[in-house]
Amino acid sequence: MDNTRLSYLIANPTSEIDDIEIINIYRQKCVVCRKPTMIIHEIHPRSLCITWRKWINRVLLCPECHNNAHKHGTISSKDYLIVYRNQRLGEYWDIWLTM
């Protein structure tokens, strides 16, 4: 992912992007445990969020972390997924989001 595209996404967190870009943003790694994965999870689920496809709402989770997120439910998993998302974006791209 080039810096121009990333700068655009940072300035437009509600942009909808394709799955390949999500996978590239998180370097094909689970945001929680960093295992290789290609499972895209929505922090705010499709059933509760009209704009669920915005890139800021989508993260990568390995099968185990994905199952845990669903097992603990949307409300309780949302907060920790946002923290992990922000940590990984900071590590990978030196960007820190407040959303």
N, C-alpha and C. Protein backbone atom coordinates (compact mmCIF):
# COMPACT_ATOMS: atom_id res chain seq x y z
N MET A 1 0.86 -1.18 0.00
CA MET A 1 0.00 0.00 0.00
C MET A 1 0.90 1.23 0.00
N ASP A 2 0.65 2.13 -0.93
CA ASP A 2 1.51 3.31 -1.00
C ASP A 2 1.02 4.39 -0.03
N ASN A 3 1.91 5.32 0.28
CA ASN A 3 1.62 6.36 1.27
C ASN A 3 0.50 7.30 0.84
N THR A 4 0.36 7.54 -0.46
CA THR A 4 -0.72 8.40 -0.95
C THR A 4 -2.07 7.78 -0.64
N ARG A 5 -2.20 6.50 -0.92
CA ARG A 5 -3.45 5.80 -0.65
C ARG A 5 -3.73 5.76 0.85
N LEU A 6 -2.72 5.48 1.64
CA LEU A 6 -2.89 5.43 3.08
C LEU A 6 -3.27 6.80 3.63
N SER A 7 -2.65 7.84 3.14
CA SER A 7 -3.00 9.20 3.57
C SER A 7 -4.46 9.51 3.27
N TYR A 8 -4.93 9.08 2.11
CA TYR A 8 -6.33 9.27 1.74
C TYR A 8 -7.24 8.53 2.73
N LEU A 9 -6.92 7.29 3.05
CA LEU A 9 -7.75 6.50 3.95
C LEU A 9 -7.78 7.09 5.36
N ILE A 10 -6.65 7.59 5.82
CA ILE A 10 -6.60 8.23 7.14
C ILE A 10 -7.49 9.46 7.17
N ALA A 11 -7.45 10.23 6.10
CA ALA A 11 -8.28 11.44 6.01
C ALA A 11 -9.75 11.11 5.80
N ASN A 12 -10.04 9.91 5.31
CA ASN A 12 -11.42 9.49 5.01
C ASN A 12 -11.71 8.13 5.64
N PRO A 13 -11.83 8.09 6.97
CA PRO A 13 -12.00 6.79 7.65
C PRO A 13 -13.29 6.06 7.31
N THR A 14 -14.25 6.75 6.72
CA THR A 14 -15.50 6.08 6.36
C THR A 14 -15.49 5.56 4.93
N SER A 15 -14.34 5.64 4.27
CA SER A 15 -14.23 5.12 2.90
C SER A 15 -14.45 3.61 2.90
N GLU A 16 -15.13 3.14 1.87
CA GLU A 16 -15.30 1.70 1.69
C GLU A 16 -14.22 1.21 0.73
N ILE A 17 -13.54 0.15 1.13
CA ILE A 17 -12.47 -0.39 0.30
C ILE A 17 -12.67 -1.90 0.15
N ASP A 18 -11.97 -2.47 -0.80
CA ASP A 18 -12.15 -3.91 -1.02
C ASP A 18 -11.35 -4.73 0.00
N ASP A 19 -11.64 -6.01 0.01
CA ASP A 19 -11.03 -6.91 0.98
C ASP A 19 -9.51 -6.99 0.86
N ILE A 20 -9.01 -6.91 -0.34
CA ILE A 20 -7.55 -6.98 -0.56
C ILE A 20 -6.85 -5.83 0.15
N GLU A 21 -7.44 -4.64 0.10
CA GLU A 21 -6.82 -3.51 0.79
C GLU A 21 -6.84 -3.69 2.30
N ILE A 22 -7.91 -4.23 2.84
CA ILE A 22 -7.97 -4.51 4.28
C ILE A 22 -6.85 -5.49 4.66
N ILE A 23 -6.71 -6.53 3.87
CA ILE A 23 -5.67 -7.52 4.12
C ILE A 23 -4.28 -6.88 4.06
N ASN A 24 -4.07 -5.99 3.11
CA ASN A 24 -2.78 -5.31 2.98
C ASN A 24 -2.53 -4.32 4.12
N ILE A 25 -3.56 -3.62 4.55
CA ILE A 25 -3.40 -2.66 5.65
C ILE A 25 -2.86 -3.37 6.90
N TYR A 26 -3.41 -4.54 7.19
CA TYR A 26 -3.01 -5.27 8.40
C TYR A 26 -1.95 -6.34 8.13
N ARG A 27 -1.34 -6.26 6.95
CA ARG A 27 -0.21 -7.12 6.59
C ARG A 27 -0.50 -8.62 6.76
N GLN A 28 -1.72 -9.01 6.47
CA GLN A 28 -2.16 -10.41 6.52
C GLN A 28 -1.97 -11.02 7.90
N LYS A 29 -2.11 -10.19 8.96
CA LYS A 29 -1.93 -10.67 10.32
C LYS A 29 -3.12 -10.30 11.19
N CYS A 30 -3.46 -11.20 12.09
CA CYS A 30 -4.51 -10.96 13.07
C CYS A 30 -4.12 -9.74 13.90
N VAL A 31 -5.06 -8.83 14.13
CA VAL A 31 -4.74 -7.63 14.92
C VAL A 31 -4.54 -7.96 16.39
N VAL A 32 -5.05 -9.10 16.85
CA VAL A 32 -4.92 -9.47 18.25
C VAL A 32 -3.62 -10.25 18.51
N CYS A 33 -3.44 -11.37 17.83
CA CYS A 33 -2.31 -12.26 18.13
C CYS A 33 -1.21 -12.24 17.07
N ARG A 34 -1.45 -11.59 15.96
CA ARG A 34 -0.50 -11.45 14.85
C ARG A 34 -0.23 -12.74 14.06
N LYS A 35 -1.07 -13.73 14.20
CA LYS A 35 -0.93 -14.94 13.37
C LYS A 35 -1.37 -14.60 11.95
N PRO A 36 -0.80 -15.27 10.95
CA PRO A 36 -1.24 -15.04 9.56
C PRO A 36 -2.73 -15.37 9.40
N THR A 37 -3.43 -14.55 8.68
CA THR A 37 -4.86 -14.78 8.45
C THR A 37 -5.37 -13.92 7.31
N MET A 38 -6.55 -14.27 6.84
CA MET A 38 -7.22 -13.46 5.82
C MET A 38 -8.71 -13.33 6.16
N ILE A 39 -9.07 -13.55 7.43
CA ILE A 39 -10.45 -13.44 7.87
C ILE A 39 -10.73 -12.00 8.26
N ILE A 40 -11.68 -11.40 7.57
CA ILE A 40 -12.04 -10.00 7.86
C ILE A 40 -13.25 -10.00 8.79
N HIS A 41 -13.12 -9.25 9.86
CA HIS A 41 -14.18 -9.15 10.87
C HIS A 41 -14.62 -7.70 10.98
N GLU A 42 -15.93 -7.49 11.11
CA GLU A 42 -16.46 -6.14 11.30
C GLU A 42 -16.60 -5.86 12.79
N ILE A 43 -16.02 -4.77 13.25
CA ILE A 43 -16.11 -4.41 14.66
C ILE A 43 -17.57 -4.13 15.04
N HIS A 44 -18.23 -3.32 14.25
CA HIS A 44 -19.67 -3.08 14.39
C HIS A 44 -20.33 -3.96 13.33
N PRO A 45 -21.14 -4.93 13.74
CA PRO A 45 -21.65 -5.92 12.79
C PRO A 45 -22.57 -5.35 11.72
N ARG A 46 -22.63 -6.09 10.64
CA ARG A 46 -23.48 -5.71 9.51
C ARG A 46 -24.91 -5.48 9.93
N SER A 47 -25.40 -6.29 10.83
CA SER A 47 -26.81 -6.20 11.23
C SER A 47 -27.12 -4.92 12.02
N LEU A 48 -26.10 -4.28 12.58
CA LEU A 48 -26.32 -3.09 13.40
C LEU A 48 -25.76 -1.80 12.79
N CYS A 49 -25.11 -1.93 11.65
CA CYS A 49 -24.40 -0.77 11.11
C CYS A 49 -24.58 -0.69 9.59
N ILE A 50 -25.20 0.36 9.14
CA ILE A 50 -25.44 0.54 7.71
C ILE A 50 -24.12 0.68 6.96
N THR A 51 -23.17 1.34 7.55
CA THR A 51 -21.88 1.58 6.89
C THR A 51 -20.82 0.59 7.39
N TRP A 52 -21.18 -0.65 7.53
CA TRP A 52 -20.25 -1.66 8.05
C TRP A 52 -19.02 -1.86 7.18
N ARG A 53 -19.10 -1.49 5.90
CA ARG A 53 -17.97 -1.72 4.98
C ARG A 53 -16.89 -0.64 5.07
N LYS A 54 -17.08 0.39 5.88
CA LYS A 54 -16.03 1.40 5.98
C LYS A 54 -14.76 0.74 6.52
N TRP A 55 -13.63 1.16 6.00
CA TRP A 55 -12.39 0.45 6.29
C TRP A 55 -12.04 0.48 7.78
N ILE A 56 -12.39 1.52 8.45
CA ILE A 56 -12.04 1.65 9.86
C ILE A 56 -12.81 0.64 10.73
N ASN A 57 -13.88 0.10 10.20
CA ASN A 57 -14.70 -0.87 10.92
C ASN A 57 -14.25 -2.31 10.68
N ARG A 58 -13.28 -2.53 9.83
CA ARG A 58 -12.91 -3.88 9.43
C ARG A 58 -11.48 -4.20 9.85
N VAL A 59 -11.30 -5.35 10.46
CA VAL A 59 -9.98 -5.80 10.92
C VAL A 59 -9.78 -7.26 10.52
N LEU A 60 -8.54 -7.71 10.61
CA LEU A 60 -8.24 -9.12 10.37
C LEU A 60 -8.14 -9.86 11.70
N LEU A 61 -8.76 -11.03 11.75
CA LEU A 61 -8.67 -11.90 12.92
C LEU A 61 -8.38 -13.32 12.47
N CYS A 62 -7.52 -14.01 13.23
CA CYS A 62 -7.28 -15.42 12.95
C CYS A 62 -8.53 -16.20 13.36
N PRO A 63 -8.66 -17.46 12.97
CA PRO A 63 -9.86 -18.23 13.32
C PRO A 63 -10.15 -18.27 14.82
N GLU A 64 -9.11 -18.44 15.63
CA GLU A 64 -9.31 -18.51 17.08
C GLU A 64 -9.81 -17.17 17.65
N CYS A 65 -9.17 -16.08 17.27
CA CYS A 65 -9.58 -14.76 17.76
C CYS A 65 -10.95 -14.38 17.20
N HIS A 66 -11.24 -14.79 15.98
CA HIS A 66 -12.55 -14.53 15.39
C HIS A 66 -13.64 -15.26 16.17
N ASN A 67 -13.40 -16.51 16.50
CA ASN A 67 -14.36 -17.26 17.31
C ASN A 67 -14.55 -16.63 18.68
N ASN A 68 -13.45 -16.19 19.30
CA ASN A 68 -13.55 -15.53 20.61
C ASN A 68 -14.36 -14.25 20.53
N ALA A 69 -14.15 -13.47 19.48
CA ALA A 69 -14.90 -12.21 19.32
C ALA A 69 -16.39 -12.50 19.24
N HIS A 70 -16.76 -13.52 18.50
CA HIS A 70 -18.18 -13.87 18.38
C HIS A 70 -18.73 -14.50 19.66
N LYS A 71 -17.90 -15.26 20.34
CA LYS A 71 -18.33 -15.92 21.57
C LYS A 71 -18.63 -14.89 22.66
N HIS A 72 -17.82 -13.83 22.72
CA HIS A 72 -17.99 -12.82 23.76
C HIS A 72 -19.01 -11.75 23.38
N GLY A 73 -19.41 -11.73 22.13
CA GLY A 73 -20.46 -10.82 21.69
C GLY A 73 -19.93 -9.49 21.20
N THR A 74 -20.77 -8.84 20.42
CA THR A 74 -20.40 -7.58 19.77
C THR A 74 -20.03 -6.49 20.76
N ILE A 75 -20.83 -6.32 21.78
CA ILE A 75 -20.62 -5.21 22.71
C ILE A 75 -19.30 -5.37 23.46
N SER A 76 -19.03 -6.54 24.01
CA SER A 76 -17.81 -6.70 24.80
C SER A 76 -16.55 -6.82 23.94
N SER A 77 -16.66 -7.33 22.74
CA SER A 77 -15.46 -7.47 21.90
C SER A 77 -15.10 -6.18 21.18
N LYS A 78 -16.07 -5.29 21.03
CA LYS A 78 -15.85 -4.05 20.26
C LYS A 78 -14.71 -3.23 20.83
N ASP A 79 -14.70 -3.00 22.13
CA ASP A 79 -13.70 -2.12 22.73
C ASP A 79 -12.28 -2.65 22.58
N TYR A 80 -12.09 -3.94 22.84
CA TYR A 80 -10.72 -4.45 22.74
C TYR A 80 -10.27 -4.53 21.29
N LEU A 81 -11.18 -4.78 20.35
CA LEU A 81 -10.79 -4.81 18.94
C LEU A 81 -10.37 -3.42 18.46
N ILE A 82 -11.02 -2.39 18.94
CA ILE A 82 -10.63 -1.02 18.57
C ILE A 82 -9.23 -0.72 19.11
N VAL A 83 -8.94 -1.12 20.33
CA VAL A 83 -7.61 -0.91 20.90
C VAL A 83 -6.55 -1.63 20.07
N TYR A 84 -6.79 -2.92 19.77
CA TYR A 84 -5.83 -3.68 18.97
C TYR A 84 -5.69 -3.09 17.56
N ARG A 85 -6.79 -2.69 16.96
CA ARG A 85 -6.74 -2.08 15.63
C ARG A 85 -5.82 -0.86 15.66
N ASN A 86 -6.01 0.01 16.63
CA ASN A 86 -5.22 1.22 16.71
C ASN A 86 -3.75 0.92 16.98
N GLN A 87 -3.47 -0.09 17.81
CA GLN A 87 -2.08 -0.47 18.07
C GLN A 87 -1.39 -0.95 16.80
N ARG A 88 -2.06 -1.82 16.05
CA ARG A 88 -1.45 -2.34 14.83
C ARG A 88 -1.25 -1.26 13.78
N LEU A 89 -2.22 -0.37 13.62
CA LEU A 89 -2.04 0.73 12.67
C LEU A 89 -0.87 1.61 13.09
N GLY A 90 -0.70 1.80 14.39
CA GLY A 90 0.44 2.56 14.89
C GLY A 90 1.76 1.87 14.62
N GLU A 91 1.80 0.56 14.83
CA GLU A 91 3.02 -0.20 14.59
C GLU A 91 3.36 -0.27 13.11
N TYR A 92 2.37 -0.59 12.30
CA TYR A 92 2.62 -0.83 10.89
C TYR A 92 2.78 0.45 10.09
N TRP A 93 2.01 1.46 10.40
CA TRP A 93 1.95 2.65 9.56
C TRP A 93 2.23 3.95 10.30
N ASP A 94 2.50 3.88 11.59
CA ASP A 94 2.76 5.06 12.42
C ASP A 94 1.59 6.04 12.37
N ILE A 95 0.38 5.49 12.41
CA ILE A 95 -0.81 6.34 12.50
C ILE A 95 -1.60 5.92 13.74
N TRP A 96 -2.19 6.88 14.40
CA TRP A 96 -2.96 6.61 15.61
C TRP A 96 -4.32 7.24 15.46
N LEU A 97 -5.32 6.43 15.52
CA LEU A 97 -6.70 6.90 15.34
C LEU A 97 -7.37 7.07 16.69
N THR A 98 -8.26 8.02 16.76
CA THR A 98 -9.00 8.24 18.01
C THR A 98 -10.41 7.71 17.90
N MET A 99 -10.75 7.03 16.79
CA MET A 99 -12.11 6.53 16.60
C MET A 99 -12.20 5.08 17.02
